[in-house]
């Protein structure tokens, strides 16, 4: 009952000057809202990125060239002319934990249809590309083994490319010009991929796919490939597959800096680490606003103690203990922060929703984020309320009653 009365007395003290109480809470409100918005955006982005990466398959392994140079004033650059189709065949044959291997060549080329043209990334791939990347044809068909054997000039378009080039025209069966570095060929559209969107730094809808042998022999005139997309037998077998691939490539190059092997699991782990670091940094910045708000509340409570000195003296004169005065002012400080925290949570929730709808960013307002914000507000109220409450409880009753 005594605690209830102390709490009511704290509320009455805050109600006596509502405008000042609200202004004192502004720092807390802004800080809590910022924390909620930052955490919701970073968690939403992390979930969105994870879902997109996992859409490519958690047992996907990428093999690419290492980087050379980067010293004595030279810029580091990806090594070229490393891998061949035979390397992919050897990996598939000797690595028991590997299920499929897709050699890849990608280059920026200009595609033209009538008076419209787009410059996009054109990928030379093998027929297994769909299974390995979990990326499927929606209309028509994908590249098959006959296309590879005959070096056919056929092309499969991403949804965005098809829309840009053909608009309302059915692209299947249409002929487009593909301008290579030193040659120009007419390609026939045999398929359009499902919409997939952006994954990391690549927009799959703005790409096109041709037989890798056609890319090698007709467009680029090379026997090399740029990288391999490899599918392990299962997610659990990914580590074993990486070890086997590394052993095969090291046997050829005798230098593990010439190639890079990384899995989707590594990519997910790296992205999670980056997002967590980013979140901590931003929450720390928002925390400064909470500290400023806490200092503002402490100043408000100190002014309140000064203004209510006679009231404190009167309460002590009629039997209130120092602990009662201490609790009253502590409660006032905590209630200020808690009310500000609740308002900040609501403001952060609304802000996150508005950002999601206006900017199109993914946001997730989680219970841990709300609990963290509210808990921090409580700690701020307790910490910055101790000094004013302690000062009020140590007032001399006689001197307090004389105070004008």
Protein backbone atom coordinates (compact mmCIF):
# COMPACT_ATOMS: atom_id res chain seq x y z
CA UNK A 1 0.00 0.00 0.00
CA UNK A 2 2.87 2.34 0.92
CA UNK A 3 4.51 1.76 -2.46
CA UNK A 4 1.22 2.54 -4.21
CA UNK A 5 0.90 5.82 -2.36
CA UNK A 6 4.49 6.72 -3.25
CA UNK A 7 3.76 5.98 -6.90
CA UNK A 8 0.60 8.12 -6.84
CA UNK A 9 2.53 10.95 -5.21
CA UNK A 10 5.12 10.71 -7.99
CA UNK A 11 2.38 10.94 -10.66
CA UNK A 12 0.84 13.94 -8.91
CA UNK A 13 4.24 15.64 -8.88
CA UNK A 14 4.62 15.13 -12.64
CA UNK A 15 1.05 16.21 -13.40
CA UNK A 16 1.68 19.48 -11.61
CA UNK A 17 3.81 20.64 -14.54
CA UNK A 18 2.87 18.59 -17.59
CA UNK A 19 4.55 20.78 -20.19
CA UNK A 20 7.92 20.65 -18.45
CA UNK A 21 7.54 16.90 -17.92
CA UNK A 22 6.85 16.36 -21.63
CA UNK A 23 9.80 18.50 -22.70
CA UNK A 24 11.99 16.50 -20.32
CA UNK A 25 10.83 13.28 -21.99
CA UNK A 26 11.61 14.44 -25.53
CA UNK A 27 15.21 13.19 -25.46
CA UNK A 28 14.02 9.77 -24.25
CA UNK A 29 11.24 9.67 -26.85
CA UNK A 30 13.59 10.52 -29.70
CA UNK A 31 16.29 8.11 -28.49
CA UNK A 32 13.88 5.17 -28.02
CA UNK A 33 12.17 5.82 -31.37
CA UNK A 34 15.58 5.93 -33.09
CA UNK A 35 16.63 2.64 -31.46
CA UNK A 36 13.37 0.92 -32.53
CA UNK A 37 13.61 2.23 -36.11
CA UNK A 38 17.31 1.34 -36.47
CA UNK A 39 16.91 -2.18 -35.11
CA UNK A 40 13.74 -2.82 -37.14
CA UNK A 41 15.40 -1.70 -40.39
CA UNK A 42 18.62 -3.66 -39.82
CA UNK A 43 16.76 -6.80 -38.73
CA UNK A 44 14.39 -6.52 -41.68
CA UNK A 45 17.28 -6.01 -44.08
CA UNK A 46 19.19 -8.91 -42.59
CA UNK A 47 16.17 -11.20 -42.91
CA UNK A 48 15.56 -10.07 -46.49
CA UNK A 49 19.20 -10.60 -47.49
CA UNK A 50 19.29 -14.00 -45.78
CA UNK A 51 16.14 -15.13 -47.55
CA UNK A 52 17.51 -14.05 -50.93
CA UNK A 53 20.87 -15.74 -50.34
CA UNK A 54 19.17 -18.90 -49.12
CA UNK A 55 16.97 -18.81 -52.23
CA UNK A 56 20.13 -19.64 -54.18
CA UNK A 57 20.61 -22.74 -52.03
CA UNK A 58 22.54 -23.20 -48.79
CA UNK A 59 24.67 -25.90 -50.44
CA UNK A 60 25.95 -23.58 -53.16
CA UNK A 61 29.71 -23.14 -53.44
CA UNK A 62 31.42 -20.56 -55.65
CA UNK A 63 34.91 -20.90 -57.03
CA UNK A 64 36.52 -17.79 -58.49
CA UNK A 65 39.96 -16.41 -59.30
CA UNK A 66 42.20 -14.93 -56.63
CA UNK A 67 43.59 -11.43 -56.85
CA UNK A 68 47.02 -10.40 -58.04
CA UNK A 69 49.02 -7.21 -57.63
CA UNK A 70 48.01 -4.82 -54.89
CA UNK A 71 51.59 -3.92 -53.93
CA UNK A 72 54.30 -1.45 -55.02
CA UNK A 73 51.63 0.97 -56.29
CA UNK A 74 49.77 -1.69 -58.30
CA UNK A 75 46.03 -2.11 -57.93
CA UNK A 76 44.84 -5.58 -56.90
CA UNK A 77 42.86 -7.25 -59.68
CA UNK A 78 41.23 -10.58 -60.31
CA UNK A 79 43.46 -13.10 -62.00
CA UNK A 80 42.38 -14.25 -65.44
CA UNK A 81 42.86 -17.27 -67.71
CA UNK A 82 42.87 -19.78 -64.87
CA UNK A 83 39.98 -22.20 -65.19
CA UNK A 84 38.89 -24.39 -68.07
CA UNK A 85 35.91 -26.61 -68.71
CA UNK A 86 38.16 -29.58 -67.95
CA UNK A 87 38.71 -28.27 -64.41
CA UNK A 88 34.97 -28.37 -63.81
CA UNK A 89 34.75 -31.89 -65.18
CA UNK A 90 37.61 -32.99 -62.90
CA UNK A 91 35.90 -31.49 -59.83
CA UNK A 92 32.64 -33.25 -60.68
CA UNK A 93 34.44 -36.56 -61.24
CA UNK A 94 36.83 -36.58 -58.27
CA UNK A 95 34.92 -34.69 -55.55
CA UNK A 96 32.45 -37.19 -54.09
CA UNK A 97 30.62 -34.49 -52.08
CA UNK A 98 29.89 -32.45 -55.23
CA UNK A 99 26.60 -32.98 -57.05
CA UNK A 100 26.72 -30.49 -59.95
CA UNK A 101 29.27 -28.10 -61.45
CA UNK A 102 28.37 -25.13 -63.65
CA UNK A 103 31.16 -23.25 -65.45
CA UNK A 104 30.36 -19.55 -65.86
CA UNK A 105 31.56 -16.74 -68.11
CA UNK A 106 29.99 -13.32 -67.65
CA UNK A 107 30.55 -10.17 -69.64
CA UNK A 108 28.79 -6.89 -70.35
CA UNK A 109 27.26 -6.91 -73.84
CA UNK A 110 24.82 -4.78 -75.81
CA UNK A 111 21.56 -6.48 -76.80
CA UNK A 112 19.47 -4.92 -79.54
CA UNK A 113 15.93 -5.54 -80.77
CA UNK A 114 14.66 -3.21 -83.51
CA UNK A 115 15.14 0.34 -82.15
CA UNK A 116 15.58 -0.71 -78.51
CA UNK A 117 18.80 -1.82 -76.85
CA UNK A 118 20.12 -2.61 -73.37
CA UNK A 119 23.61 -3.19 -72.04
CA UNK A 120 23.51 -6.04 -69.54
CA UNK A 121 25.52 -8.91 -68.08
CA UNK A 122 25.38 -11.95 -70.36
CA UNK A 123 26.28 -15.23 -68.69
CA UNK A 124 27.68 -18.22 -70.55
CA UNK A 125 26.47 -21.24 -68.57
CA UNK A 126 25.70 -24.95 -68.84
CA UNK A 127 22.24 -26.60 -68.60
CA UNK A 128 22.67 -27.41 -64.87
CA UNK A 129 22.58 -23.71 -64.02
CA UNK A 130 18.87 -23.84 -63.14
CA UNK A 131 19.27 -26.60 -60.55
CA UNK A 132 22.43 -25.19 -58.99
CA UNK A 133 21.19 -21.58 -58.65
CA UNK A 134 17.55 -22.49 -58.02
CA UNK A 135 16.60 -20.14 -60.84
CA UNK A 136 14.06 -21.46 -63.33
CA UNK A 137 12.58 -20.67 -66.72
CA UNK A 138 9.04 -19.32 -66.67
CA UNK A 139 8.40 -19.32 -70.42
CA UNK A 140 10.03 -21.40 -73.14
CA UNK A 141 13.04 -23.53 -72.26
CA UNK A 142 16.55 -23.21 -70.86
CA UNK A 143 19.84 -24.09 -72.55
CA UNK A 144 20.35 -27.82 -73.16
CA UNK A 145 23.27 -30.09 -74.08
CA UNK A 146 22.50 -29.83 -77.83
CA UNK A 147 22.96 -26.06 -77.63
CA UNK A 148 26.38 -26.61 -76.07
CA UNK A 149 27.53 -29.20 -78.61
CA UNK A 150 26.45 -27.13 -81.62
CA UNK A 151 27.53 -23.70 -80.28
CA UNK A 152 24.00 -22.48 -80.95
CA UNK A 153 23.25 -18.77 -80.84
CA UNK A 154 20.29 -19.04 -78.48
CA UNK A 155 19.59 -16.85 -75.49
CA UNK A 156 17.42 -16.92 -72.36
CA UNK A 157 16.43 -13.51 -70.98
CA UNK A 158 15.84 -12.33 -67.45
CA UNK A 159 12.38 -10.89 -66.86
CA UNK A 160 13.63 -7.30 -66.70
CA UNK A 161 15.60 -7.63 -69.95
CA UNK A 162 12.61 -9.15 -71.72
CA UNK A 163 10.38 -6.28 -70.59
CA UNK A 164 12.92 -3.63 -71.61
CA UNK A 165 13.50 -5.05 -75.08
CA UNK A 166 10.08 -6.36 -76.06
CA UNK A 167 7.53 -4.56 -73.86
CA UNK A 168 4.19 -6.04 -75.04
CA UNK A 169 5.69 -8.31 -77.74
CA UNK A 170 6.08 -12.04 -76.99
CA UNK A 171 9.89 -12.50 -76.90
CA UNK A 172 9.89 -16.25 -77.58
CA UNK A 173 11.24 -17.01 -81.04
CA UNK A 174 12.30 -13.41 -81.68
CA UNK A 175 15.79 -12.60 -82.95
CA UNK A 176 18.04 -10.06 -81.23
CA UNK A 177 21.52 -8.79 -82.00
CA UNK A 178 24.25 -9.45 -79.45
CA UNK A 179 27.29 -7.23 -79.89
CA UNK A 180 30.45 -8.96 -78.68
CA UNK A 181 33.90 -7.38 -78.25
CA UNK A 182 34.91 -8.19 -81.84
CA UNK A 183 31.86 -9.80 -83.40
CA UNK A 184 28.12 -9.40 -83.76
CA UNK A 185 25.69 -12.32 -83.82
CA UNK A 186 21.98 -12.79 -84.18
CA UNK A 187 20.58 -14.79 -81.25
CA UNK A 188 17.16 -16.42 -81.00
CA UNK A 189 15.23 -16.01 -77.73
CA UNK A 190 14.26 -19.47 -76.42
CA UNK A 191 13.14 -18.62 -72.88
CA UNK A 192 12.38 -16.04 -70.20
CA UNK A 193 13.38 -16.64 -66.58
CA UNK A 194 11.17 -16.31 -63.53
CA UNK A 195 11.43 -12.99 -61.66
CA UNK A 196 14.06 -13.29 -58.94
CA UNK A 197 15.16 -9.74 -58.16
CA UNK A 198 18.38 -8.59 -56.56
CA UNK A 199 20.57 -10.94 -54.56
CA UNK A 200 23.51 -9.14 -52.95
CA UNK A 201 25.11 -7.08 -55.74
CA UNK A 202 23.50 -8.88 -58.68
CA UNK A 203 20.08 -8.31 -60.20
CA UNK A 204 19.17 -11.62 -61.80
CA UNK A 205 16.26 -10.08 -63.72
CA UNK A 206 18.67 -7.84 -65.63
CA UNK A 207 20.81 -10.65 -67.00
CA UNK A 208 20.73 -13.06 -69.93
CA UNK A 209 22.05 -16.59 -70.44
CA UNK A 210 23.68 -18.27 -73.42
CA UNK A 211 25.49 -21.63 -73.91
CA UNK A 212 28.96 -21.37 -72.42
CA UNK A 213 30.51 -22.94 -75.53
CA UNK A 214 28.90 -20.24 -77.67
CA UNK A 215 30.31 -17.56 -75.37
CA UNK A 216 33.77 -19.12 -75.63
CA UNK A 217 33.96 -19.91 -79.35
CA UNK A 218 31.80 -17.23 -80.98
CA UNK A 219 31.73 -14.14 -78.76
CA UNK A 220 34.87 -14.06 -76.61
CA UNK A 221 37.21 -16.44 -78.46
CA UNK A 222 38.68 -18.01 -75.33
CA UNK A 223 39.08 -21.50 -73.89
CA UNK A 224 38.88 -20.25 -70.30
CA UNK A 225 35.95 -19.76 -67.94
CA UNK A 226 35.71 -17.18 -65.15
CA UNK A 227 34.27 -19.20 -62.29
CA UNK A 228 32.33 -22.26 -61.19
CA UNK A 229 29.01 -22.45 -59.38
CA UNK A 230 29.03 -25.77 -57.57
CA UNK A 231 26.26 -27.61 -55.78
CA UNK A 232 27.24 -29.86 -52.89
CA UNK A 233 25.34 -33.08 -52.27
CA UNK A 234 23.71 -31.47 -49.23
CA UNK A 235 24.10 -28.58 -46.83
CA UNK A 236 25.91 -30.88 -44.41
CA UNK A 237 28.34 -31.96 -47.13
CA UNK A 238 29.36 -28.38 -48.03
CA UNK A 239 32.46 -28.33 -45.84
CA UNK A 240 33.64 -31.66 -47.19
CA UNK A 241 32.99 -30.50 -50.75
CA UNK A 242 35.05 -27.33 -50.15
CA UNK A 243 37.98 -29.42 -48.86
CA UNK A 244 37.81 -31.72 -51.88
CA UNK A 245 37.61 -28.81 -54.35
CA UNK A 246 40.53 -27.09 -52.64
CA UNK A 247 42.66 -30.24 -52.89
CA UNK A 248 41.90 -30.60 -56.62
CA UNK A 249 42.65 -26.96 -57.45
CA UNK A 250 45.78 -26.86 -55.30
CA UNK A 251 47.07 -29.90 -57.13
CA UNK A 252 46.80 -27.93 -60.37
CA UNK A 253 48.00 -24.47 -59.30
CA UNK A 254 50.27 -25.28 -56.32
CA UNK A 255 49.21 -21.88 -54.96
CA UNK A 256 46.01 -21.36 -52.98
CA UNK A 257 46.07 -17.58 -53.55
CA UNK A 258 45.23 -18.05 -57.22
CA UNK A 259 41.67 -19.14 -56.48
CA UNK A 260 38.92 -18.42 -53.95
CA UNK A 261 36.35 -20.85 -52.63
CA UNK A 262 33.39 -19.60 -50.62
CA UNK A 263 30.00 -21.01 -49.71
CA UNK A 264 26.59 -19.46 -49.08
CA UNK A 265 26.99 -20.30 -45.39
CA UNK A 266 30.14 -18.15 -45.26
CA UNK A 267 28.33 -15.37 -47.07
CA UNK A 268 25.41 -15.52 -44.64
CA UNK A 269 27.76 -15.53 -41.68
CA UNK A 270 29.70 -12.54 -43.04
CA UNK A 271 26.52 -10.59 -43.77
CA UNK A 272 25.15 -11.31 -40.28
CA UNK A 273 28.39 -10.12 -38.72
CA UNK A 274 28.41 -6.93 -40.80
CA UNK A 275 24.76 -6.16 -40.03
CA UNK A 276 25.29 -6.76 -36.29
CA UNK A 277 28.28 -4.41 -36.25
CA UNK A 278 26.28 -1.83 -38.19
CA UNK A 279 23.35 -2.18 -35.77
CA UNK A 280 25.56 -1.80 -32.70
CA UNK A 281 27.17 1.32 -34.17
CA UNK A 282 23.84 2.98 -34.99
CA UNK A 283 22.23 1.99 -31.69
CA UNK A 284 25.26 3.49 -29.94
CA UNK A 285 24.67 6.75 -31.79
CA UNK A 286 20.98 6.66 -30.84
CA UNK A 287 22.03 5.88 -27.26
CA UNK A 288 23.70 9.30 -27.09
CA UNK A 289 20.25 10.83 -27.48
CA UNK A 290 19.06 8.72 -24.54
CA UNK A 291 21.95 9.92 -22.40
CA UNK A 292 21.19 13.52 -23.32
CA UNK A 293 17.54 12.87 -22.47
CA UNK A 294 18.61 11.37 -19.14
CA UNK A 295 20.66 14.45 -18.30
CA UNK A 296 17.65 16.60 -19.17
CA UNK A 297 15.48 14.57 -16.82
CA UNK A 298 18.07 14.88 -14.04
CA UNK A 299 18.08 18.67 -14.47
CA UNK A 300 14.27 18.71 -14.39
CA UNK A 301 14.25 16.66 -11.19
CA UNK A 302 16.81 18.94 -9.58
CA UNK A 303 14.61 21.96 -10.39
CA UNK A 304 11.61 20.05 -9.03
CA UNK A 305 13.47 19.33 -5.77
CA UNK A 306 14.31 23.02 -5.39
CA UNK A 307 10.73 24.14 -6.14
CA UNK A 308 9.22 21.60 -3.74
CA UNK A 309 11.60 22.09 -0.85
CA UNK A 310 8.83 23.28 1.48
CA UNK A 311 6.63 20.34 0.43
CA UNK A 312 9.48 17.95 1.26
CA UNK A 313 9.96 19.63 4.63
CA UNK A 314 6.24 19.38 5.37
CA UNK A 315 6.16 15.68 4.51
CA UNK A 316 9.13 15.01 6.73
CA UNK A 317 7.54 17.02 9.54
CA UNK A 318 4.40 14.84 9.49
CA UNK A 319 6.38 11.60 9.61
CA UNK A 320 7.68 10.81 6.11
CA UNK A 321 11.02 8.98 6.22
CA UNK A 322 14.03 9.78 4.07
CA UNK A 323 13.41 6.52 2.18
CA UNK A 324 9.88 7.74 1.32
CA UNK A 325 11.24 10.97 -0.17
CA UNK A 326 13.95 9.04 -2.02
CA UNK A 327 11.41 6.61 -3.50
CA UNK A 328 9.04 9.40 -4.50
CA UNK A 329 11.61 11.24 -6.59
CA UNK A 330 13.07 8.02 -7.97
CA UNK A 331 9.57 7.02 -9.07
CA UNK A 332 9.04 10.41 -10.70
CA UNK A 333 12.27 10.03 -12.67
CA UNK A 334 11.47 6.46 -13.69
CA UNK A 335 7.88 7.30 -14.65
CA UNK A 336 9.16 10.15 -16.83
CA UNK A 337 11.50 7.74 -18.63
CA UNK A 338 8.98 4.90 -18.86
CA UNK A 339 6.22 7.12 -20.25
CA UNK A 340 8.76 8.62 -22.66
CA UNK A 341 9.87 5.09 -23.52
CA UNK A 342 6.33 3.95 -24.30
CA UNK A 343 5.71 7.02 -26.47
CA UNK A 344 9.09 6.40 -28.15
CA UNK A 345 8.19 2.77 -28.85
CA UNK A 346 4.89 3.81 -30.45
CA UNK A 347 6.69 6.52 -32.46
CA UNK A 348 9.38 4.02 -33.51
CA UNK A 349 6.74 1.48 -34.55
CA UNK A 350 4.89 4.08 -36.62
CA UNK A 351 8.18 5.35 -38.07
CA UNK A 352 9.24 1.83 -39.06
CA UNK A 353 5.89 1.21 -40.74
CA UNK A 354 6.09 4.49 -42.65
CA UNK A 355 9.65 3.78 -43.81
CA UNK A 356 8.60 0.30 -44.95
CA UNK A 357 5.70 1.68 -46.99
CA UNK A 358 7.38 4.81 -48.39
CA UNK A 359 10.94 3.62 -49.02
CA UNK A 360 10.11 -0.01 -49.69
CA UNK A 361 12.63 -1.22 -47.09
CA UNK A 362 12.01 -4.38 -45.13
CA UNK A 363 11.45 -3.70 -41.42
CA UNK A 364 10.87 -6.07 -38.51
CA UNK A 365 9.82 -4.69 -35.12
CA UNK A 366 10.75 -7.51 -32.76
CA UNK A 367 9.84 -7.99 -29.11
CA UNK A 368 13.52 -8.07 -28.01
CA UNK A 369 14.02 -4.63 -29.59
CA UNK A 370 10.99 -3.25 -27.71
CA UNK A 371 12.11 -4.88 -24.46
CA UNK A 372 15.65 -3.53 -24.93
CA UNK A 373 14.37 -0.01 -25.52
CA UNK A 374 12.01 -0.10 -22.54
CA UNK A 375 14.65 -1.64 -20.29
CA UNK A 376 17.17 1.01 -21.29
CA UNK A 377 14.63 3.75 -20.56
CA UNK A 378 14.10 2.28 -17.07
CA UNK A 379 17.83 2.16 -16.40
CA UNK A 380 18.24 5.77 -17.60
CA UNK A 381 15.41 6.89 -15.31
CA UNK A 382 16.89 5.04 -12.35
CA UNK A 383 20.46 6.21 -12.96
CA UNK A 384 19.71 9.87 -13.58
CA UNK A 385 17.08 9.99 -10.84
CA UNK A 386 19.40 8.81 -8.06
CA UNK A 387 21.21 12.11 -7.55
CA UNK A 388 18.10 14.37 -7.38
CA UNK A 389 16.25 11.82 -5.21
CA UNK A 390 19.21 11.48 -2.87
CA UNK A 391 19.50 15.27 -2.62
CA UNK A 392 15.79 15.57 -1.76
CA UNK A 393 15.96 12.84 0.90
CA UNK A 394 18.90 14.52 2.65
CA UNK A 395 17.22 17.90 3.06
CA UNK A 396 17.03 19.10 6.65
CA UNK A 397 13.29 19.28 7.60
CA UNK A 398 13.67 22.51 9.56
CA UNK A 399 15.66 24.26 6.82
CA UNK A 400 13.21 22.93 4.22
CA UNK A 401 10.22 24.42 6.09
CA UNK A 402 11.98 27.79 6.23
CA UNK A 403 12.74 27.74 2.49
CA UNK A 404 11.02 30.49 0.48
